[in-house]
Amino acid sequence: MNPSVPLARRGSSLAANLGLSERVFASSSDRSMARAIDAGLEAVEAALEHEVSFADGIADVSTRYLLDAGGKRVRPMLTLLTAQLGNGATDDVVTAATAIEITHLASLYHDDVMDEAEKRRGVPSAQTVWGNSVAILTGDLLFARASQLMARLGERAIRLQADTFERLVLGQLHETVGAQPDDDPVAHYIQVLSDKTGSLIASAAQSGIVFSGADPALEQPAVEFGERIGVAFQLVDDVIDLSPQTEKTGKLPGTDLRAGVVTLPILKLRELATSDPASADLLERIERDVIAGAPPVGTFDTNTGEVRVPPSRSAVDALVAELREHEATRQTIAEAHRWARDAVAALAPLPDGSVKKALTRFADTIVERSS
C-alpha cells in the first residue's frame, strides 16, 4: 500500500470488504481510520500467508487451498475496526484477527464435508479434490494453528477461542440433529445461526476491543452487534441461495435445497402451508422433487400407482424460482432486516464517530448484498 496516494483514488480495502461506499469516509478522521485499517489488513494478509503454511508437503497444499481461493476477510476487518476504539491495529490485534480468520477458514473445510458441497469460493470444494478425510484433517490442522496463535495472547484469548469453538461445534451438531419435537423450528434454526455464524463474528468484534486496550464497557455492545449481524448475514445467504445469478453467487440456484439443507425460506413456507393451500402445494412439490432425501428415482408410489421419475433440471429451477418469489422468502428478508436493525441498536453505547458510522453502514450493506 502507498499511503501517499489519495484514498479516493486508490480505493479502500475497508470500503471494499465491508461493502461501503467511499463516500462514507468523507471526513479526515474517517479517512485516517480507513488507512489505519488498510495497513492492519495488509499485516493480517501477511500473517495468514505465514501461518497457513506447514512443513509437510500435503498439509501445506491443502491448508492453503481455500485461502488462495479468496474471501472477503469480514471477520478480521471487524476486529481491526473495533480496535480503533482503543490503540488500533497493535501486534496483538493483528494476531487475534489472523487467528479468527484461520478459525473461519477451518470451519469451511468441515462445513463442506457435512453439507457435501461441490464448490466453495468459486473452486471445487476440498473434499471433492482430496476426499472427506483429508478435508476434515485439514480443518483440524487449521483449528490447531488458530489455537496456537491465540495462546500467544494469554489466558483471556485462549478462553475466548475455546468458548467460540464450542459454540461453532454445538451449532453444527444442532443443525445436524435437527429440531426436536418440543422445539420451535424457527427458533431452533436462529439459534443454530447464532452459534455457527454469529459467535465467530461476535468474537471478531470483541477481540478488537479486548486486544486494543479499549474501554471494557464497549465489549458487550461489540459482542451483541457481531452476533446479531452474523444472523442477518446468514439469513441473507439463505435468500441468495435461491438467486438465479450464478455468475455472482458462484452456486447453482437452490444449492442448499438440493442438498437437503433446511433454511429459513423453507421453514417459513412450512408455517404458511398450515393455513394456505397454495403454500402447502408448493411445499409438497419442493419436498418431492428438490430436497435431498426424497424417495429415490424408480420408487413405486403407492398413491399414484406410478414409478417415480426424476424431475428435469428446468422443473427444479422453476420450483426454486417459485420459492424465491414466495411470501416465505419475503418474510426471510424482513427477518434479516430486523436482525440488522437490532445489531445497529446494540451500538448505542459506542461513541459517535468513524467506527460507529462504519459499523452502522456495514449492517445496512449486509441486508442489501446480492452475493
Protein backbone atom coordinates (compact mmCIF):
# COMPACT_ATOMS: atom_id res chain seq x y z
CA MET A 1 0.00 0.00 0.00
CA ASN A 2 1.21 3.51 -0.77
CA PRO A 3 -0.20 5.87 1.90
CA SER A 4 0.72 8.91 -0.19
CA VAL A 5 -1.86 8.01 -2.83
CA PRO A 6 -5.22 9.65 -2.01
CA LEU A 7 -7.80 7.24 -0.61
CA ALA A 8 -10.43 8.24 -3.16
CA ARG A 9 -8.07 7.31 -6.00
CA ARG A 10 -6.52 4.10 -4.73
CA GLY A 11 -9.68 2.84 -3.02
CA SER A 12 -10.03 1.48 0.49
CA SER A 13 -9.85 -2.19 1.43
CA LEU A 14 -12.13 -1.33 4.33
CA ALA A 15 -14.70 0.11 1.93
CA ALA A 16 -14.41 -2.80 -0.49
CA ASN A 17 -14.50 -5.60 2.07
CA LEU A 18 -17.32 -4.19 4.17
CA GLY A 19 -19.31 -3.17 1.10
CA LEU A 20 -19.07 0.52 1.91
CA SER A 21 -19.09 3.46 -0.44
CA GLU A 22 -16.03 5.70 -0.36
CA ARG A 23 -18.48 8.50 0.47
CA VAL A 24 -18.76 7.03 3.96
CA PHE A 25 -15.20 8.25 4.58
CA ALA A 26 -15.89 11.92 3.98
CA SER A 27 -14.02 13.47 6.90
CA SER A 28 -10.28 13.46 7.51
CA SER A 29 -10.74 11.32 10.65
CA ASP A 30 -12.76 8.79 8.62
CA ARG A 31 -10.02 8.59 6.00
CA SER A 32 -7.34 8.29 8.67
CA MET A 33 -9.22 5.37 10.22
CA ALA A 34 -9.62 3.70 6.83
CA ARG A 35 -5.89 4.00 6.13
CA ALA A 36 -5.06 2.53 9.53
CA ILE A 37 -7.35 -0.43 8.93
CA ASP A 38 -5.97 -0.97 5.43
CA ALA A 39 -2.48 -1.14 6.92
CA GLY A 40 -3.75 -3.58 9.53
CA LEU A 41 -5.37 -5.72 6.86
CA GLU A 42 -2.09 -5.93 4.97
CA ALA A 43 -0.44 -7.13 8.17
CA VAL A 44 -3.18 -9.76 8.59
CA GLU A 45 -2.75 -10.94 4.99
CA ALA A 46 0.99 -11.32 5.53
CA ALA A 47 0.34 -13.23 8.75
CA LEU A 48 -2.15 -15.52 7.01
CA GLU A 49 0.41 -16.33 4.32
CA HIS A 50 2.92 -17.18 7.02
CA GLU A 51 0.66 -19.09 9.40
CA VAL A 52 -1.24 -21.14 6.80
CA SER A 53 1.99 -22.86 5.91
CA PHE A 54 3.23 -26.26 7.03
CA ALA A 55 6.49 -28.11 6.57
CA ASP A 56 4.54 -31.17 5.46
CA GLY A 57 4.02 -31.03 1.69
CA ILE A 58 0.47 -32.38 1.62
CA ALA A 59 -0.70 -30.22 4.52
CA ASP A 60 0.86 -27.13 3.00
CA VAL A 61 -1.11 -27.57 -0.21
CA SER A 62 -4.47 -28.48 1.34
CA THR A 63 -4.43 -25.77 4.04
CA ARG A 64 -3.64 -23.04 1.53
CA TYR A 65 -6.27 -24.21 -0.93
CA LEU A 66 -9.23 -22.15 0.31
CA LEU A 67 -7.03 -19.28 1.48
CA ASP A 68 -5.76 -18.89 -2.08
CA ALA A 69 -9.34 -19.05 -3.37
CA GLY A 70 -10.03 -15.64 -1.81
CA GLY A 71 -12.51 -14.36 0.72
CA LYS A 72 -13.87 -11.01 1.91
CA ARG A 73 -11.99 -11.01 5.26
CA VAL A 74 -15.08 -9.66 7.01
CA ARG A 75 -14.04 -11.02 10.41
CA PRO A 76 -10.52 -9.55 10.57
CA MET A 77 -11.95 -6.31 9.20
CA LEU A 78 -14.35 -6.12 12.13
CA THR A 79 -11.53 -6.84 14.58
CA LEU A 80 -9.41 -4.08 13.08
CA LEU A 81 -12.39 -1.73 13.01
CA THR A 82 -13.45 -2.12 16.65
CA ALA A 83 -9.76 -1.90 17.63
CA GLN A 84 -9.88 1.73 16.50
CA LEU A 85 -11.85 2.36 19.70
CA GLY A 86 -8.63 1.54 21.54
CA ASN A 87 -5.00 1.60 20.48
CA GLY A 88 -5.66 0.48 16.90
CA ALA A 89 -4.07 -2.38 14.99
CA THR A 90 -1.48 -3.42 17.54
CA ASP A 91 0.51 -6.63 17.10
CA ASP A 92 -1.92 -8.41 19.45
CA VAL A 93 -4.92 -7.20 17.45
CA VAL A 94 -3.37 -8.44 14.20
CA THR A 95 -2.61 -11.81 15.80
CA ALA A 96 -6.18 -12.15 17.06
CA ALA A 97 -7.61 -11.12 13.68
CA THR A 98 -5.41 -13.69 11.94
CA ALA A 99 -6.45 -16.46 14.34
CA ILE A 100 -10.13 -15.67 13.86
CA GLU A 101 -9.84 -15.76 10.07
CA ILE A 102 -7.99 -19.09 10.24
CA THR A 103 -10.75 -20.43 12.51
CA HIS A 104 -13.31 -19.36 9.92
CA LEU A 105 -11.24 -20.97 7.17
CA ALA A 106 -11.06 -24.23 9.12
CA SER A 107 -14.83 -24.27 9.59
CA LEU A 108 -15.35 -24.06 5.83
CA TYR A 109 -13.48 -27.32 5.26
CA HIS A 110 -15.67 -29.09 7.82
CA ASP A 111 -18.91 -27.44 6.66
CA ASP A 112 -18.35 -28.52 3.07
CA VAL A 113 -17.89 -32.13 4.15
CA MET A 114 -21.03 -32.02 6.29
CA ASP A 115 -23.06 -30.37 3.51
CA GLU A 116 -21.48 -32.40 0.70
CA ALA A 117 -20.87 -29.10 -1.08
CA GLU A 118 -19.31 -29.27 -4.52
CA LYS A 119 -17.91 -25.73 -4.69
CA ARG A 120 -16.54 -23.10 -2.34
CA ARG A 121 -15.38 -19.62 -3.28
CA GLY A 122 -15.76 -20.47 -6.95
CA VAL A 123 -13.48 -23.54 -6.87
CA PRO A 124 -14.19 -27.25 -6.24
CA SER A 125 -14.55 -27.84 -2.50
CA ALA A 126 -11.63 -29.51 -0.74
CA GLN A 127 -13.31 -32.88 -0.28
CA THR A 128 -14.06 -33.13 -4.00
CA VAL A 129 -10.32 -32.69 -4.61
CA TRP A 130 -8.82 -34.83 -1.83
CA GLY A 131 -11.74 -36.66 -0.23
CA ASN A 132 -13.53 -36.25 3.10
CA SER A 133 -10.72 -37.48 5.34
CA VAL A 134 -8.12 -35.04 4.03
CA ALA A 135 -10.61 -32.17 4.13
CA ILE A 136 -11.54 -32.90 7.76
CA LEU A 137 -7.90 -33.26 8.82
CA THR A 138 -7.03 -30.03 7.03
CA GLY A 139 -9.72 -28.24 9.01
CA ASP A 140 -8.33 -29.78 12.20
CA LEU A 141 -4.84 -28.53 11.37
CA LEU A 142 -6.14 -25.02 10.83
CA PHE A 143 -8.10 -25.07 14.09
CA ALA A 144 -4.89 -26.12 15.84
CA ARG A 145 -2.92 -23.30 14.23
CA ALA A 146 -5.57 -20.75 15.25
CA SER A 147 -5.39 -22.03 18.84
CA GLN A 148 -1.61 -21.68 18.81
CA LEU A 149 -1.93 -18.07 17.74
CA MET A 150 -4.47 -17.28 20.46
CA ALA A 151 -2.26 -18.97 23.05
CA ARG A 152 0.37 -16.32 22.36
CA LEU A 153 -2.06 -13.70 23.66
CA GLY A 154 -2.63 -15.29 27.05
CA GLU A 155 -5.38 -16.93 29.05
CA ARG A 156 -8.11 -14.49 28.06
CA ALA A 157 -7.55 -15.22 24.38
CA ILE A 158 -7.43 -18.98 24.99
CA ARG A 159 -10.80 -18.88 26.77
CA LEU A 160 -12.29 -16.69 24.04
CA GLN A 161 -11.14 -19.11 21.35
CA ALA A 162 -12.32 -22.18 23.28
CA ASP A 163 -15.75 -20.70 24.01
CA THR A 164 -16.19 -19.72 20.36
CA PHE A 165 -15.06 -23.12 19.10
CA GLU A 166 -17.51 -24.83 21.46
CA ARG A 167 -20.36 -22.78 20.05
CA LEU A 168 -19.31 -23.48 16.46
CA VAL A 169 -19.41 -27.22 17.14
CA LEU A 170 -22.69 -27.07 19.05
CA GLY A 171 -24.25 -25.10 16.22
CA GLN A 172 -23.18 -27.72 13.69
CA LEU A 173 -24.37 -30.52 15.98
CA HIS A 174 -27.79 -28.97 16.46
CA GLU A 175 -28.09 -28.34 12.72
CA THR A 176 -27.16 -31.96 12.00
CA VAL A 177 -29.57 -33.45 14.56
CA GLY A 178 -32.34 -31.00 13.73
CA ALA A 179 -35.13 -29.54 15.82
CA GLN A 180 -36.59 -31.86 18.43
CA PRO A 181 -40.36 -32.44 18.80
CA ASP A 182 -40.70 -29.82 21.53
CA ASP A 183 -38.58 -27.22 19.70
CA ASP A 184 -39.93 -24.35 17.68
CA PRO A 185 -38.27 -25.00 14.29
CA VAL A 186 -37.64 -21.32 13.51
CA ALA A 187 -36.23 -20.56 16.98
CA HIS A 188 -34.04 -23.66 16.70
CA TYR A 189 -32.76 -22.52 13.32
CA ILE A 190 -31.97 -18.99 14.53
CA GLN A 191 -30.03 -20.46 17.45
CA VAL A 192 -28.03 -22.59 15.01
CA LEU A 193 -27.16 -19.45 13.05
CA SER A 194 -26.21 -17.62 16.24
CA ASP A 195 -23.82 -20.44 17.16
CA LYS A 196 -22.43 -21.29 13.72
CA THR A 197 -22.11 -17.80 12.24
CA GLY A 198 -22.86 -15.19 14.87
CA SER A 199 -20.44 -16.50 17.51
CA LEU A 200 -17.33 -16.11 15.36
CA ILE A 201 -18.31 -12.68 14.05
CA ALA A 202 -19.05 -11.65 17.64
CA SER A 203 -15.63 -12.97 18.67
CA ALA A 204 -14.03 -10.89 15.92
CA ALA A 205 -15.70 -7.68 17.08
CA GLN A 206 -14.96 -8.48 20.73
CA SER A 207 -11.29 -9.20 20.05
CA GLY A 208 -10.78 -5.74 18.61
CA ILE A 209 -11.95 -4.24 21.88
CA VAL A 210 -10.08 -6.63 24.17
CA PHE A 211 -6.68 -6.65 22.48
CA SER A 212 -6.53 -2.95 21.64
CA GLY A 213 -6.98 -1.89 25.24
CA ALA A 214 -10.32 -0.20 24.53
CA ASP A 215 -12.82 0.63 27.27
CA PRO A 216 -14.13 -2.74 28.60
CA ALA A 217 -17.61 -1.22 28.74
CA LEU A 218 -17.64 -1.41 24.91
CA GLU A 219 -17.02 -5.15 24.85
CA GLN A 220 -20.62 -6.33 25.34
CA PRO A 221 -22.08 -3.95 22.72
CA ALA A 222 -19.47 -5.24 20.24
CA VAL A 223 -20.42 -8.84 21.04
CA GLU A 224 -24.13 -8.14 20.61
CA PHE A 225 -23.53 -6.32 17.33
CA GLY A 226 -21.39 -9.14 15.98
CA GLU A 227 -23.78 -11.91 16.87
CA ARG A 228 -26.84 -10.15 15.52
CA ILE A 229 -25.18 -9.10 12.30
CA GLY A 230 -23.95 -12.67 11.91
CA VAL A 231 -27.53 -13.94 11.99
CA ALA A 232 -28.59 -11.27 9.49
CA PHE A 233 -25.66 -12.22 7.25
CA GLN A 234 -26.71 -15.88 7.18
CA LEU A 235 -30.38 -15.10 6.59
CA VAL A 236 -29.41 -13.05 3.55
CA ASP A 237 -27.33 -16.04 2.42
CA ASP A 238 -30.50 -18.15 2.63
CA VAL A 239 -32.12 -15.82 0.12
CA ILE A 240 -29.02 -15.55 -2.07
CA ASP A 241 -29.04 -19.36 -2.32
CA LEU A 242 -32.24 -19.02 -4.35
CA SER A 243 -30.71 -16.42 -6.69
CA PRO A 244 -30.64 -17.18 -10.42
CA GLN A 245 -27.46 -15.06 -10.77
CA THR A 246 -24.98 -17.94 -10.77
CA GLU A 247 -22.20 -15.68 -12.07
CA LYS A 248 -22.46 -13.61 -8.86
CA THR A 249 -23.13 -16.32 -6.29
CA GLY A 250 -20.88 -18.99 -7.81
CA LYS A 251 -23.54 -21.57 -6.98
CA LEU A 252 -26.41 -23.38 -8.66
CA PRO A 253 -29.74 -21.76 -7.68
CA GLY A 254 -31.17 -23.67 -4.73
CA THR A 255 -27.89 -25.38 -3.82
CA ASP A 256 -28.94 -25.70 -0.17
CA LEU A 257 -32.36 -27.01 -1.11
CA ARG A 258 -30.92 -29.62 -3.46
CA ALA A 259 -28.53 -30.75 -0.70
CA GLY A 260 -31.36 -31.11 1.80
CA VAL A 261 -30.21 -28.16 3.92
CA VAL A 262 -33.30 -26.63 5.50
CA THR A 263 -33.10 -22.82 5.55
CA LEU A 264 -35.50 -20.13 6.77
CA PRO A 265 -37.48 -19.79 3.50
CA ILE A 266 -38.45 -23.46 3.79
CA LEU A 267 -39.28 -23.13 7.49
CA LYS A 268 -41.44 -20.10 6.74
CA LEU A 269 -43.09 -21.97 3.89
CA ARG A 270 -43.93 -24.81 6.27
CA GLU A 271 -45.56 -22.33 8.64
CA LEU A 272 -47.61 -20.80 5.84
CA ALA A 273 -48.55 -24.23 4.49
CA THR A 274 -50.63 -24.96 7.60
CA SER A 275 -53.25 -22.42 6.52
CA ASP A 276 -52.57 -21.67 2.86
CA PRO A 277 -53.32 -24.40 0.28
CA ALA A 278 -51.07 -22.80 -2.36
CA SER A 279 -48.14 -22.80 0.05
CA ALA A 280 -48.89 -26.38 1.01
CA ASP A 281 -48.87 -27.38 -2.65
CA LEU A 282 -45.52 -25.65 -3.27
CA LEU A 283 -44.03 -27.26 -0.18
CA GLU A 284 -45.18 -30.70 -1.31
CA ARG A 285 -43.64 -30.25 -4.74
CA ILE A 286 -40.34 -28.96 -3.33
CA GLU A 287 -40.06 -31.77 -0.81
CA ARG A 288 -40.85 -34.31 -3.51
CA ASP A 289 -38.68 -33.02 -6.34
CA VAL A 290 -35.94 -30.82 -4.89
CA ILE A 291 -34.94 -31.58 -1.33
CA ALA A 292 -32.43 -34.40 -0.96
CA GLY A 293 -33.86 -37.40 0.80
CA ALA A 294 -36.98 -37.57 -1.34
CA PRO A 295 -37.91 -41.09 -2.47
CA PRO A 296 -35.25 -42.35 -4.89
CA VAL A 297 -35.90 -42.40 -8.59
CA GLY A 298 -37.56 -45.67 -9.53
CA THR A 299 -39.54 -45.91 -6.26
CA PHE A 300 -43.10 -47.14 -6.71
CA ASP A 301 -45.59 -44.53 -5.47
CA THR A 302 -48.49 -46.37 -3.85
CA ASN A 303 -50.66 -43.24 -4.00
CA THR A 304 -50.42 -42.73 -7.74
CA GLY A 305 -49.61 -46.29 -8.81
CA GLU A 306 -46.67 -44.94 -10.82
CA VAL A 307 -42.91 -45.32 -10.71
CA ARG A 308 -41.20 -42.07 -9.70
CA VAL A 309 -39.15 -40.45 -12.46
CA PRO A 310 -36.52 -37.78 -11.91
CA PRO A 311 -37.67 -34.17 -12.32
CA SER A 312 -35.97 -32.27 -15.12
CA ARG A 313 -33.40 -29.57 -14.38
CA SER A 314 -35.81 -26.95 -15.70
CA ALA A 315 -38.58 -28.24 -13.43
CA VAL A 316 -36.34 -27.97 -10.35
CA ASP A 317 -35.20 -24.50 -11.41
CA ALA A 318 -38.85 -23.47 -11.73
CA LEU A 319 -39.60 -24.64 -8.19
CA VAL A 320 -36.62 -22.72 -6.82
CA ALA A 321 -37.82 -19.62 -8.67
CA GLU A 322 -41.33 -20.09 -7.28
CA LEU A 323 -39.95 -20.20 -3.73
CA ARG A 324 -37.78 -17.17 -4.44
CA GLU A 325 -40.90 -15.10 -5.26
CA HIS A 326 -42.99 -16.54 -2.42
CA GLU A 327 -44.11 -14.79 0.75
CA ALA A 328 -41.88 -17.16 2.73
CA THR A 329 -38.80 -15.59 1.18
CA ARG A 330 -40.14 -12.07 1.70
CA GLN A 331 -40.57 -12.92 5.37
CA THR A 332 -36.98 -14.18 5.47
CA ILE A 333 -35.74 -10.87 4.05
CA ALA A 334 -37.79 -8.98 6.63
CA GLU A 335 -36.27 -11.11 9.39
CA ALA A 336 -32.76 -10.33 8.13
CA HIS A 337 -33.57 -6.61 8.24
CA ARG A 338 -34.86 -6.95 11.79
CA TRP A 339 -31.64 -8.60 12.97
CA ALA A 340 -29.59 -5.90 11.22
CA ARG A 341 -31.62 -3.17 12.95
CA ASP A 342 -31.09 -4.89 16.30
CA ALA A 343 -27.36 -5.04 15.56
CA VAL A 344 -27.26 -1.29 14.98
CA ALA A 345 -29.27 -0.69 18.16
CA ALA A 346 -26.60 -2.56 20.11
CA LEU A 347 -24.07 0.09 19.04
CA ALA A 348 -25.79 2.81 21.09
CA PRO A 349 -23.12 2.81 23.86
CA LEU A 350 -20.30 3.35 21.34
CA PRO A 351 -19.03 6.91 20.99
CA ASP A 352 -20.21 8.75 17.91
CA GLY A 353 -17.56 8.86 15.21
CA SER A 354 -15.91 6.99 12.37
CA VAL A 355 -16.12 3.50 13.90
CA LYS A 356 -19.79 3.69 14.77
CA LYS A 357 -20.58 5.15 11.35
CA ALA A 358 -18.73 2.36 9.53
CA LEU A 359 -20.35 -0.39 11.63
CA THR A 360 -23.80 1.08 11.03
CA ARG A 361 -23.27 1.26 7.29
CA PHE A 362 -21.88 -2.27 7.30
CA ALA A 363 -25.11 -3.52 8.87
CA ASP A 364 -27.04 -1.84 6.05
CA THR A 365 -24.89 -3.40 3.35
CA ILE A 366 -25.29 -6.88 4.87
CA VAL A 367 -29.01 -6.88 4.03
CA GLU A 368 -28.54 -5.15 0.68
CA ARG A 369 -25.98 -7.53 -0.81
CA SER A 370 -26.74 -9.94 -3.66
CA SER A 371 -23.71 -12.27 -3.44
